[in-house]
Amino acid sequence: AFRTGGIPDWLVNEENGLLAPSLDV
């Protein structure tokens, strides 16, 4: 997912998914 809004409440980067900077394709 993109790191935006409330997503980081449930997605912890490198723990249960991967986060990318917002809008960075």
mmCIF file of all heavy atoms, coordinates in Angstrom:
data_MODEL
# 
_entry.id   MODEL 
# 
loop_
_atom_site.group_PDB 
_atom_site.id 
_atom_site.type_symbol 
_atom_site.label_atom_id 
_atom_site.label_alt_id 
_atom_site.label_comp_id 
_atom_site.label_asym_id 
_atom_site.label_entity_id 
_atom_site.label_seq_id 
_atom_site.pdbx_PDB_ins_code 
_atom_site.Cartn_x 
_atom_site.Cartn_y 
_atom_site.Cartn_z 
_atom_site.occupancy 
_atom_site.B_iso_or_equiv 
_atom_site.pdbx_formal_charge 
_atom_site.auth_seq_id 
_atom_site.auth_comp_id 
_atom_site.auth_asym_id 
_atom_site.auth_atom_id 
_atom_site.pdbx_PDB_model_num 
ATOM 1   N N   . ALA A 1 1  ? 0.840  -1.200 0.000   1.00 0.00 ? 1  ALA A N   1 
ATOM 2   C CA  . ALA A 1 1  ? 0.000  0.000  0.000   1.00 0.00 ? 1  ALA A CA  1 
ATOM 3   C C   . ALA A 1 1  ? 0.870  1.243  0.000   1.00 0.00 ? 1  ALA A C   1 
ATOM 4   O O   . ALA A 1 1  ? 2.073  1.194  0.295   1.00 0.00 ? 1  ALA A O   1 
ATOM 5   C CB  . ALA A 1 1  ? -0.920 0.003  1.225   1.00 0.00 ? 1  ALA A CB  1 
ATOM 6   N N   . PHE A 1 2  ? 0.245  2.362  -0.318  1.00 0.00 ? 2  PHE A N   1 
ATOM 7   C CA  . PHE A 1 2  ? 0.895  3.651  -0.139  1.00 0.00 ? 2  PHE A CA  1 
ATOM 8   C C   . PHE A 1 2  ? 0.748  4.073  1.321   1.00 0.00 ? 2  PHE A C   1 
ATOM 9   O O   . PHE A 1 2  ? -0.269 3.792  1.963   1.00 0.00 ? 2  PHE A O   1 
ATOM 10  C CB  . PHE A 1 2  ? 0.263  4.712  -1.045  1.00 0.00 ? 2  PHE A CB  1 
ATOM 11  C CG  . PHE A 1 2  ? 0.629  4.586  -2.495  1.00 0.00 ? 2  PHE A CG  1 
ATOM 12  C CD1 . PHE A 1 2  ? -0.339 4.348  -3.458  1.00 0.00 ? 2  PHE A CD1 1 
ATOM 13  C CD2 . PHE A 1 2  ? 1.948  4.720  -2.910  1.00 0.00 ? 2  PHE A CD2 1 
ATOM 14  C CE1 . PHE A 1 2  ? -0.015 4.234  -4.797  1.00 0.00 ? 2  PHE A CE1 1 
ATOM 15  C CE2 . PHE A 1 2  ? 2.293  4.608  -4.251  1.00 0.00 ? 2  PHE A CE2 1 
ATOM 16  C CZ  . PHE A 1 2  ? 1.306  4.363  -5.198  1.00 0.00 ? 2  PHE A CZ  1 
ATOM 17  N N   . ARG A 1 3  ? 1.747  4.754  1.833   1.00 0.00 ? 3  ARG A N   1 
ATOM 18  C CA  . ARG A 1 3  ? 1.702  5.262  3.208   1.00 0.00 ? 3  ARG A CA  1 
ATOM 19  C C   . ARG A 1 3  ? 0.835  6.523  3.223   1.00 0.00 ? 3  ARG A C   1 
ATOM 20  O O   . ARG A 1 3  ? 1.312  7.642  3.006   1.00 0.00 ? 3  ARG A O   1 
ATOM 21  C CB  . ARG A 1 3  ? 3.115  5.576  3.711   1.00 0.00 ? 3  ARG A CB  1 
ATOM 22  C CG  . ARG A 1 3  ? 3.160  5.984  5.197   1.00 0.00 ? 3  ARG A CG  1 
ATOM 23  C CD  . ARG A 1 3  ? 4.569  6.424  5.595   1.00 0.00 ? 3  ARG A CD  1 
ATOM 24  N NE  . ARG A 1 3  ? 5.517  5.333  5.503   1.00 0.00 ? 3  ARG A NE  1 
ATOM 25  C CZ  . ARG A 1 3  ? 5.724  4.440  6.466   1.00 0.00 ? 3  ARG A CZ  1 
ATOM 26  N NH1 . ARG A 1 3  ? 5.044  4.522  7.593   1.00 0.00 ? 3  ARG A NH1 1 
ATOM 27  N NH2 . ARG A 1 3  ? 6.618  3.479  6.304   1.00 0.00 ? 3  ARG A NH2 1 
ATOM 28  N N   . THR A 1 4  ? -0.434 6.354  3.469   1.00 0.00 ? 4  THR A N   1 
ATOM 29  C CA  . THR A 1 4  ? -1.353 7.490  3.461   1.00 0.00 ? 4  THR A CA  1 
ATOM 30  C C   . THR A 1 4  ? -2.522 7.223  4.390   1.00 0.00 ? 4  THR A C   1 
ATOM 31  O O   . THR A 1 4  ? -2.929 6.074  4.597   1.00 0.00 ? 4  THR A O   1 
ATOM 32  C CB  . THR A 1 4  ? -1.861 7.759  2.019   1.00 0.00 ? 4  THR A CB  1 
ATOM 33  O OG1 . THR A 1 4  ? -2.660 8.937  1.999   1.00 0.00 ? 4  THR A OG1 1 
ATOM 34  C CG2 . THR A 1 4  ? -2.683 6.597  1.490   1.00 0.00 ? 4  THR A CG2 1 
ATOM 35  N N   . GLY A 1 5  ? -3.061 8.288  4.956   1.00 0.00 ? 5  GLY A N   1 
ATOM 36  C CA  . GLY A 1 5  ? -4.257 8.185  5.783   1.00 0.00 ? 5  GLY A CA  1 
ATOM 37  C C   . GLY A 1 5  ? -4.083 7.233  6.954   1.00 0.00 ? 5  GLY A C   1 
ATOM 38  O O   . GLY A 1 5  ? -3.067 7.211  7.649   1.00 0.00 ? 5  GLY A O   1 
ATOM 39  N N   . GLY A 1 6  ? -5.134 6.409  7.173   1.00 0.00 ? 6  GLY A N   1 
ATOM 40  C CA  . GLY A 1 6  ? -5.149 5.496  8.304   1.00 0.00 ? 6  GLY A CA  1 
ATOM 41  C C   . GLY A 1 6  ? -4.528 4.143  8.032   1.00 0.00 ? 6  GLY A C   1 
ATOM 42  O O   . GLY A 1 6  ? -4.541 3.266  8.914   1.00 0.00 ? 6  GLY A O   1 
ATOM 43  N N   . ILE A 1 7  ? -3.983 3.935  6.842   1.00 0.00 ? 7  ILE A N   1 
ATOM 44  C CA  . ILE A 1 7  ? -3.413 2.624  6.495   1.00 0.00 ? 7  ILE A CA  1 
ATOM 45  C C   . ILE A 1 7  ? -2.313 2.182  7.462   1.00 0.00 ? 7  ILE A C   1 
ATOM 46  O O   . ILE A 1 7  ? -2.268 1.012  7.866   1.00 0.00 ? 7  ILE A O   1 
ATOM 47  C CB  . ILE A 1 7  ? -2.927 2.631  5.031   1.00 0.00 ? 7  ILE A CB  1 
ATOM 48  C CG1 . ILE A 1 7  ? -4.143 2.634  4.090   1.00 0.00 ? 7  ILE A CG1 1 
ATOM 49  C CG2 . ILE A 1 7  ? -2.029 1.434  4.727   1.00 0.00 ? 7  ILE A CG2 1 
ATOM 50  C CD1 . ILE A 1 7  ? -3.808 2.785  2.620   1.00 0.00 ? 7  ILE A CD1 1 
ATOM 51  N N   . PRO A 1 8  ? -1.401 3.085  7.903   1.00 0.00 ? 8  PRO A N   1 
ATOM 52  C CA  . PRO A 1 8  ? -0.357 2.628  8.833   1.00 0.00 ? 8  PRO A CA  1 
ATOM 53  C C   . PRO A 1 8  ? -0.875 2.144  10.188  1.00 0.00 ? 8  PRO A C   1 
ATOM 54  O O   . PRO A 1 8  ? -0.111 1.558  10.958  1.00 0.00 ? 8  PRO A O   1 
ATOM 55  C CB  . PRO A 1 8  ? 0.514  3.889  9.001   1.00 0.00 ? 8  PRO A CB  1 
ATOM 56  C CG  . PRO A 1 8  ? 0.337  4.642  7.727   1.00 0.00 ? 8  PRO A CG  1 
ATOM 57  C CD  . PRO A 1 8  ? -1.118 4.444  7.389   1.00 0.00 ? 8  PRO A CD  1 
ATOM 58  N N   . ASP A 1 9  ? -2.160 2.363  10.499  1.00 0.00 ? 9  ASP A N   1 
ATOM 59  C CA  . ASP A 1 9  ? -2.707 1.814  11.741  1.00 0.00 ? 9  ASP A CA  1 
ATOM 60  C C   . ASP A 1 9  ? -2.702 0.287  11.718  1.00 0.00 ? 9  ASP A C   1 
ATOM 61  O O   . ASP A 1 9  ? -2.560 -0.350 12.757  1.00 0.00 ? 9  ASP A O   1 
ATOM 62  C CB  . ASP A 1 9  ? -4.147 2.310  11.966  1.00 0.00 ? 9  ASP A CB  1 
ATOM 63  C CG  . ASP A 1 9  ? -4.189 3.681  12.609  1.00 0.00 ? 9  ASP A CG  1 
ATOM 64  O OD1 . ASP A 1 9  ? -3.197 4.423  12.503  1.00 0.00 ? 9  ASP A OD1 1 
ATOM 65  O OD2 . ASP A 1 9  ? -5.218 4.016  13.229  1.00 0.00 ? 9  ASP A OD2 1 
ATOM 66  N N   . TRP A 1 10 ? -2.923 -0.294 10.530  1.00 0.00 ? 10 TRP A N   1 
ATOM 67  C CA  . TRP A 1 10 ? -2.967 -1.759 10.448  1.00 0.00 ? 10 TRP A CA  1 
ATOM 68  C C   . TRP A 1 10 ? -1.816 -2.357 9.651   1.00 0.00 ? 10 TRP A C   1 
ATOM 69  O O   . TRP A 1 10 ? -1.519 -3.531 9.791   1.00 0.00 ? 10 TRP A O   1 
ATOM 70  C CB  . TRP A 1 10 ? -4.304 -2.234 9.874   1.00 0.00 ? 10 TRP A CB  1 
ATOM 71  C CG  . TRP A 1 10 ? -4.744 -1.579 8.593   1.00 0.00 ? 10 TRP A CG  1 
ATOM 72  C CD1 . TRP A 1 10 ? -5.592 -0.512 8.465   1.00 0.00 ? 10 TRP A CD1 1 
ATOM 73  C CD2 . TRP A 1 10 ? -4.380 -1.947 7.262   1.00 0.00 ? 10 TRP A CD2 1 
ATOM 74  N NE1 . TRP A 1 10 ? -5.765 -0.191 7.129   1.00 0.00 ? 10 TRP A NE1 1 
ATOM 75  C CE2 . TRP A 1 10 ? -5.040 -1.054 6.382   1.00 0.00 ? 10 TRP A CE2 1 
ATOM 76  C CE3 . TRP A 1 10 ? -3.558 -2.952 6.737   1.00 0.00 ? 10 TRP A CE3 1 
ATOM 77  C CZ2 . TRP A 1 10 ? -4.906 -1.132 4.998   1.00 0.00 ? 10 TRP A CZ2 1 
ATOM 78  C CZ3 . TRP A 1 10 ? -3.413 -3.027 5.351   1.00 0.00 ? 10 TRP A CZ3 1 
ATOM 79  C CH2 . TRP A 1 10 ? -4.083 -2.127 4.500   1.00 0.00 ? 10 TRP A CH2 1 
ATOM 80  N N   . LEU A 1 11 ? -1.155 -1.571 8.804   1.00 0.00 ? 11 LEU A N   1 
ATOM 81  C CA  . LEU A 1 11 ? -0.048 -2.091 8.005   1.00 0.00 ? 11 LEU A CA  1 
ATOM 82  C C   . LEU A 1 11 ? 1.264  -1.568 8.573   1.00 0.00 ? 11 LEU A C   1 
ATOM 83  O O   . LEU A 1 11 ? 1.565  -0.379 8.471   1.00 0.00 ? 11 LEU A O   1 
ATOM 84  C CB  . LEU A 1 11 ? -0.196 -1.683 6.531   1.00 0.00 ? 11 LEU A CB  1 
ATOM 85  C CG  . LEU A 1 11 ? 0.553  -2.555 5.510   1.00 0.00 ? 11 LEU A CG  1 
ATOM 86  C CD1 . LEU A 1 11 ? 0.128  -2.222 4.091   1.00 0.00 ? 11 LEU A CD1 1 
ATOM 87  C CD2 . LEU A 1 11 ? 2.057  -2.431 5.620   1.00 0.00 ? 11 LEU A CD2 1 
ATOM 88  N N   . VAL A 1 12 ? 2.023  -2.471 9.167   1.00 0.00 ? 12 VAL A N   1 
ATOM 89  C CA  . VAL A 1 12 ? 3.342  -2.122 9.690   1.00 0.00 ? 12 VAL A CA  1 
ATOM 90  C C   . VAL A 1 12 ? 4.371  -2.560 8.650   1.00 0.00 ? 12 VAL A C   1 
ATOM 91  O O   . VAL A 1 12 ? 4.475  -3.753 8.320   1.00 0.00 ? 12 VAL A O   1 
ATOM 92  C CB  . VAL A 1 12 ? 3.611  -2.817 11.038  1.00 0.00 ? 12 VAL A CB  1 
ATOM 93  C CG1 . VAL A 1 12 ? 4.995  -2.453 11.558  1.00 0.00 ? 12 VAL A CG1 1 
ATOM 94  C CG2 . VAL A 1 12 ? 2.533  -2.419 12.049  1.00 0.00 ? 12 VAL A CG2 1 
ATOM 95  N N   . ASN A 1 13 ? 5.114  -1.609 8.126   1.00 0.00 ? 13 ASN A N   1 
ATOM 96  C CA  . ASN A 1 13 ? 6.057  -1.903 7.053   1.00 0.00 ? 13 ASN A CA  1 
ATOM 97  C C   . ASN A 1 13 ? 7.052  -2.979 7.449   1.00 0.00 ? 13 ASN A C   1 
ATOM 98  O O   . ASN A 1 13 ? 7.632  -2.939 8.545   1.00 0.00 ? 13 ASN A O   1 
ATOM 99  C CB  . ASN A 1 13 ? 6.809  -0.621 6.665   1.00 0.00 ? 13 ASN A CB  1 
ATOM 100 C CG  . ASN A 1 13 ? 7.599  -0.779 5.390   1.00 0.00 ? 13 ASN A CG  1 
ATOM 101 O OD1 . ASN A 1 13 ? 7.140  -1.391 4.428   1.00 0.00 ? 13 ASN A OD1 1 
ATOM 102 N ND2 . ASN A 1 13 ? 8.812  -0.237 5.370   1.00 0.00 ? 13 ASN A ND2 1 
ATOM 103 N N   . GLU A 1 14 ? 7.233  -3.963 6.580   1.00 0.00 ? 14 GLU A N   1 
ATOM 104 C CA  . GLU A 1 14 ? 8.151  -5.092 6.757   1.00 0.00 ? 14 GLU A CA  1 
ATOM 105 C C   . GLU A 1 14 ? 7.671  -6.097 7.815   1.00 0.00 ? 14 GLU A C   1 
ATOM 106 O O   . GLU A 1 14 ? 8.330  -7.100 8.047   1.00 0.00 ? 14 GLU A O   1 
ATOM 107 C CB  . GLU A 1 14 ? 9.575  -4.625 7.129   1.00 0.00 ? 14 GLU A CB  1 
ATOM 108 C CG  . GLU A 1 14 ? 10.231 -3.747 6.084   1.00 0.00 ? 14 GLU A CG  1 
ATOM 109 C CD  . GLU A 1 14 ? 10.728 -4.530 4.862   1.00 0.00 ? 14 GLU A CD  1 
ATOM 110 O OE1 . GLU A 1 14 ? 10.700 -5.769 4.899   1.00 0.00 ? 14 GLU A OE1 1 
ATOM 111 O OE2 . GLU A 1 14 ? 11.145 -3.875 3.878   1.00 0.00 ? 14 GLU A OE2 1 
ATOM 112 N N   . GLU A 1 15 ? 6.504  -5.836 8.438   1.00 0.00 ? 15 GLU A N   1 
ATOM 113 C CA  . GLU A 1 15 ? 5.968  -6.793 9.398   1.00 0.00 ? 15 GLU A CA  1 
ATOM 114 C C   . GLU A 1 15 ? 4.819  -7.593 8.799   1.00 0.00 ? 15 GLU A C   1 
ATOM 115 O O   . GLU A 1 15 ? 4.844  -8.817 8.802   1.00 0.00 ? 15 GLU A O   1 
ATOM 116 C CB  . GLU A 1 15 ? 5.491  -6.101 10.667  1.00 0.00 ? 15 GLU A CB  1 
ATOM 117 C CG  . GLU A 1 15 ? 4.906  -7.072 11.691  1.00 0.00 ? 15 GLU A CG  1 
ATOM 118 C CD  . GLU A 1 15 ? 4.415  -6.393 12.945  1.00 0.00 ? 15 GLU A CD  1 
ATOM 119 O OE1 . GLU A 1 15 ? 5.131  -5.518 13.474  1.00 0.00 ? 15 GLU A OE1 1 
ATOM 120 O OE2 . GLU A 1 15 ? 3.304  -6.729 13.409  1.00 0.00 ? 15 GLU A OE2 1 
ATOM 121 N N   . ASN A 1 16 ? 3.773  -6.909 8.292   1.00 0.00 ? 16 ASN A N   1 
ATOM 122 C CA  . ASN A 1 16 ? 2.662  -7.624 7.666   1.00 0.00 ? 16 ASN A CA  1 
ATOM 123 C C   . ASN A 1 16 ? 2.373  -7.114 6.254   1.00 0.00 ? 16 ASN A C   1 
ATOM 124 O O   . ASN A 1 16 ? 1.364  -7.461 5.655   1.00 0.00 ? 16 ASN A O   1 
ATOM 125 C CB  . ASN A 1 16 ? 1.387  -7.522 8.520   1.00 0.00 ? 16 ASN A CB  1 
ATOM 126 C CG  . ASN A 1 16 ? 0.906  -6.087 8.664   1.00 0.00 ? 16 ASN A CG  1 
ATOM 127 O OD1 . ASN A 1 16 ? 1.675  -5.190 8.979   1.00 0.00 ? 16 ASN A OD1 1 
ATOM 128 N ND2 . ASN A 1 16 ? -0.377 -5.859 8.444   1.00 0.00 ? 16 ASN A ND2 1 
ATOM 129 N N   . GLY A 1 17 ? 3.275  -6.306 5.729   1.00 0.00 ? 17 GLY A N   1 
ATOM 130 C CA  . GLY A 1 17 ? 3.120  -5.791 4.379   1.00 0.00 ? 17 GLY A CA  1 
ATOM 131 C C   . GLY A 1 17 ? 4.236  -4.814 4.071   1.00 0.00 ? 17 GLY A C   1 
ATOM 132 O O   . GLY A 1 17 ? 5.191  -4.666 4.839   1.00 0.00 ? 17 GLY A O   1 
ATOM 133 N N   . LEU A 1 18 ? 4.096  -4.143 2.948   1.00 0.00 ? 18 LEU A N   1 
ATOM 134 C CA  . LEU A 1 18 ? 5.107  -3.181 2.513   1.00 0.00 ? 18 LEU A CA  1 
ATOM 135 C C   . LEU A 1 18 ? 4.441  -1.861 2.189   1.00 0.00 ? 18 LEU A C   1 
ATOM 136 O O   . LEU A 1 18 ? 3.399  -1.828 1.509   1.00 0.00 ? 18 LEU A O   1 
ATOM 137 C CB  . LEU A 1 18 ? 5.854  -3.712 1.288   1.00 0.00 ? 18 LEU A CB  1 
ATOM 138 C CG  . LEU A 1 18 ? 6.596  -5.041 1.477   1.00 0.00 ? 18 LEU A CG  1 
ATOM 139 C CD1 . LEU A 1 18 ? 7.138  -5.551 0.142   1.00 0.00 ? 18 LEU A CD1 1 
ATOM 140 C CD2 . LEU A 1 18 ? 7.732  -4.902 2.502   1.00 0.00 ? 18 LEU A CD2 1 
ATOM 141 N N   . LEU A 1 19 ? 5.033  -0.777 2.663   1.00 0.00 ? 19 LEU A N   1 
ATOM 142 C CA  . LEU A 1 19 ? 4.514  0.568  2.427   1.00 0.00 ? 19 LEU A CA  1 
ATOM 143 C C   . LEU A 1 19 ? 5.440  1.325  1.485   1.00 0.00 ? 19 LEU A C   1 
ATOM 144 O O   . LEU A 1 19 ? 6.665  1.263  1.626   1.00 0.00 ? 19 LEU A O   1 
ATOM 145 C CB  . LEU A 1 19 ? 4.398  1.339  3.737   1.00 0.00 ? 19 LEU A CB  1 
ATOM 146 C CG  . LEU A 1 19 ? 3.233  0.977  4.665   1.00 0.00 ? 19 LEU A CG  1 
ATOM 147 C CD1 . LEU A 1 19 ? 3.433  1.629  6.035   1.00 0.00 ? 19 LEU A CD1 1 
ATOM 148 C CD2 . LEU A 1 19 ? 1.901  1.383  4.055   1.00 0.00 ? 19 LEU A CD2 1 
ATOM 149 N N   . ALA A 1 20 ? 4.835  2.038  0.541   1.00 0.00 ? 20 ALA A N   1 
ATOM 150 C CA  . ALA A 1 20 ? 5.595  2.903  -0.368  1.00 0.00 ? 20 ALA A CA  1 
ATOM 151 C C   . ALA A 1 20 ? 5.181  4.344  -0.109  1.00 0.00 ? 20 ALA A C   1 
ATOM 152 O O   . ALA A 1 20 ? 4.047  4.602  0.303   1.00 0.00 ? 20 ALA A O   1 
ATOM 153 C CB  . ALA A 1 20 ? 5.312  2.527  -1.826  1.00 0.00 ? 20 ALA A CB  1 
ATOM 154 N N   . PRO A 1 21 ? 6.078  5.301  -0.336  1.00 0.00 ? 21 PRO A N   1 
ATOM 155 C CA  . PRO A 1 21 ? 5.689  6.706  -0.165  1.00 0.00 ? 21 PRO A CA  1 
ATOM 156 C C   . PRO A 1 21 ? 4.486  7.039  -1.040  1.00 0.00 ? 21 PRO A C   1 
ATOM 157 O O   . PRO A 1 21 ? 4.353  6.533  -2.154  1.00 0.00 ? 21 PRO A O   1 
ATOM 158 C CB  . PRO A 1 21 ? 6.939  7.477  -0.619  1.00 0.00 ? 21 PRO A CB  1 
ATOM 159 C CG  . PRO A 1 21 ? 8.064  6.508  -0.440  1.00 0.00 ? 21 PRO A CG  1 
ATOM 160 C CD  . PRO A 1 21 ? 7.490  5.152  -0.731  1.00 0.00 ? 21 PRO A CD  1 
ATOM 161 N N   . SER A 1 22 ? 3.601  7.872  -0.520  1.00 0.00 ? 22 SER A N   1 
ATOM 162 C CA  . SER A 1 22 ? 2.364  8.213  -1.215  1.00 0.00 ? 22 SER A CA  1 
ATOM 163 C C   . SER A 1 22 ? 2.634  8.694  -2.637  1.00 0.00 ? 22 SER A C   1 
ATOM 164 O O   . SER A 1 22 ? 3.510  9.550  -2.864  1.00 0.00 ? 22 SER A O   1 
ATOM 165 C CB  . SER A 1 22 ? 1.624  9.300  -0.434  1.00 0.00 ? 22 SER A CB  1 
ATOM 166 O OG  . SER A 1 22 ? 0.421  9.638  -1.069  1.00 0.00 ? 22 SER A OG  1 
ATOM 167 N N   . LEU A 1 23 ? 1.929  8.118  -3.588  1.00 0.00 ? 23 LEU A N   1 
ATOM 168 C CA  . LEU A 1 23 ? 1.942  8.480  -5.015  1.00 0.00 ? 23 LEU A CA  1 
ATOM 169 C C   . LEU A 1 23 ? 3.239  8.120  -5.736  1.00 0.00 ? 23 LEU A C   1 
ATOM 170 O O   . LEU A 1 23 ? 3.389  8.432  -6.920  1.00 0.00 ? 23 LEU A O   1 
ATOM 171 C CB  . LEU A 1 23 ? 1.659  9.984  -5.212  1.00 0.00 ? 23 LEU A CB  1 
ATOM 172 C CG  . LEU A 1 23 ? 0.382  10.532 -4.563  1.00 0.00 ? 23 LEU A CG  1 
ATOM 173 C CD1 . LEU A 1 23 ? 0.241  12.026 -4.860  1.00 0.00 ? 23 LEU A CD1 1 
ATOM 174 C CD2 . LEU A 1 23 ? -0.848 9.790  -5.049  1.00 0.00 ? 23 LEU A CD2 1 
ATOM 175 N N   . ASP A 1 24 ? 4.179  7.458  -5.074  1.00 0.00 ? 24 ASP A N   1 
ATOM 176 C CA  . ASP A 1 24 ? 5.454  7.094  -5.686  1.00 0.00 ? 24 ASP A CA  1 
ATOM 177 C C   . ASP A 1 24 ? 5.289  5.754  -6.416  1.00 0.00 ? 24 ASP A C   1 
ATOM 178 O O   . ASP A 1 24 ? 5.428  4.679  -5.829  1.00 0.00 ? 24 ASP A O   1 
ATOM 179 C CB  . ASP A 1 24 ? 6.540  6.998  -4.614  1.00 0.00 ? 24 ASP A CB  1 
ATOM 180 C CG  . ASP A 1 24 ? 7.938  6.834  -5.191  1.00 0.00 ? 24 ASP A CG  1 
ATOM 181 O OD1 . ASP A 1 24 ? 8.063  6.294  -6.308  1.00 0.00 ? 24 ASP A OD1 1 
ATOM 182 O OD2 . ASP A 1 24 ? 8.911  7.219  -4.506  1.00 0.00 ? 24 ASP A OD2 1 
ATOM 183 N N   . VAL A 1 25 ? 5.011  5.834  -7.714  1.00 0.00 ? 25 VAL A N   1 
ATOM 184 C CA  . VAL A 1 25 ? 4.695  4.635  -8.504  1.00 0.00 ? 25 VAL A CA  1 
ATOM 185 C C   . VAL A 1 25 ? 5.898  3.701  -8.586  1.00 0.00 ? 25 VAL A C   1 
ATOM 186 O O   . VAL A 1 25 ? 5.752  2.472  -8.494  1.00 0.00 ? 25 VAL A O   1 
ATOM 187 C CB  . VAL A 1 25 ? 4.211  5.038  -9.908  1.00 0.00 ? 25 VAL A CB  1 
ATOM 188 C CG1 . VAL A 1 25 ? 4.109  3.820  -10.821 1.00 0.00 ? 25 VAL A CG1 1 
ATOM 189 C CG2 . VAL A 1 25 ? 2.860  5.741  -9.820  1.00 0.00 ? 25 VAL A CG2 1 
# 
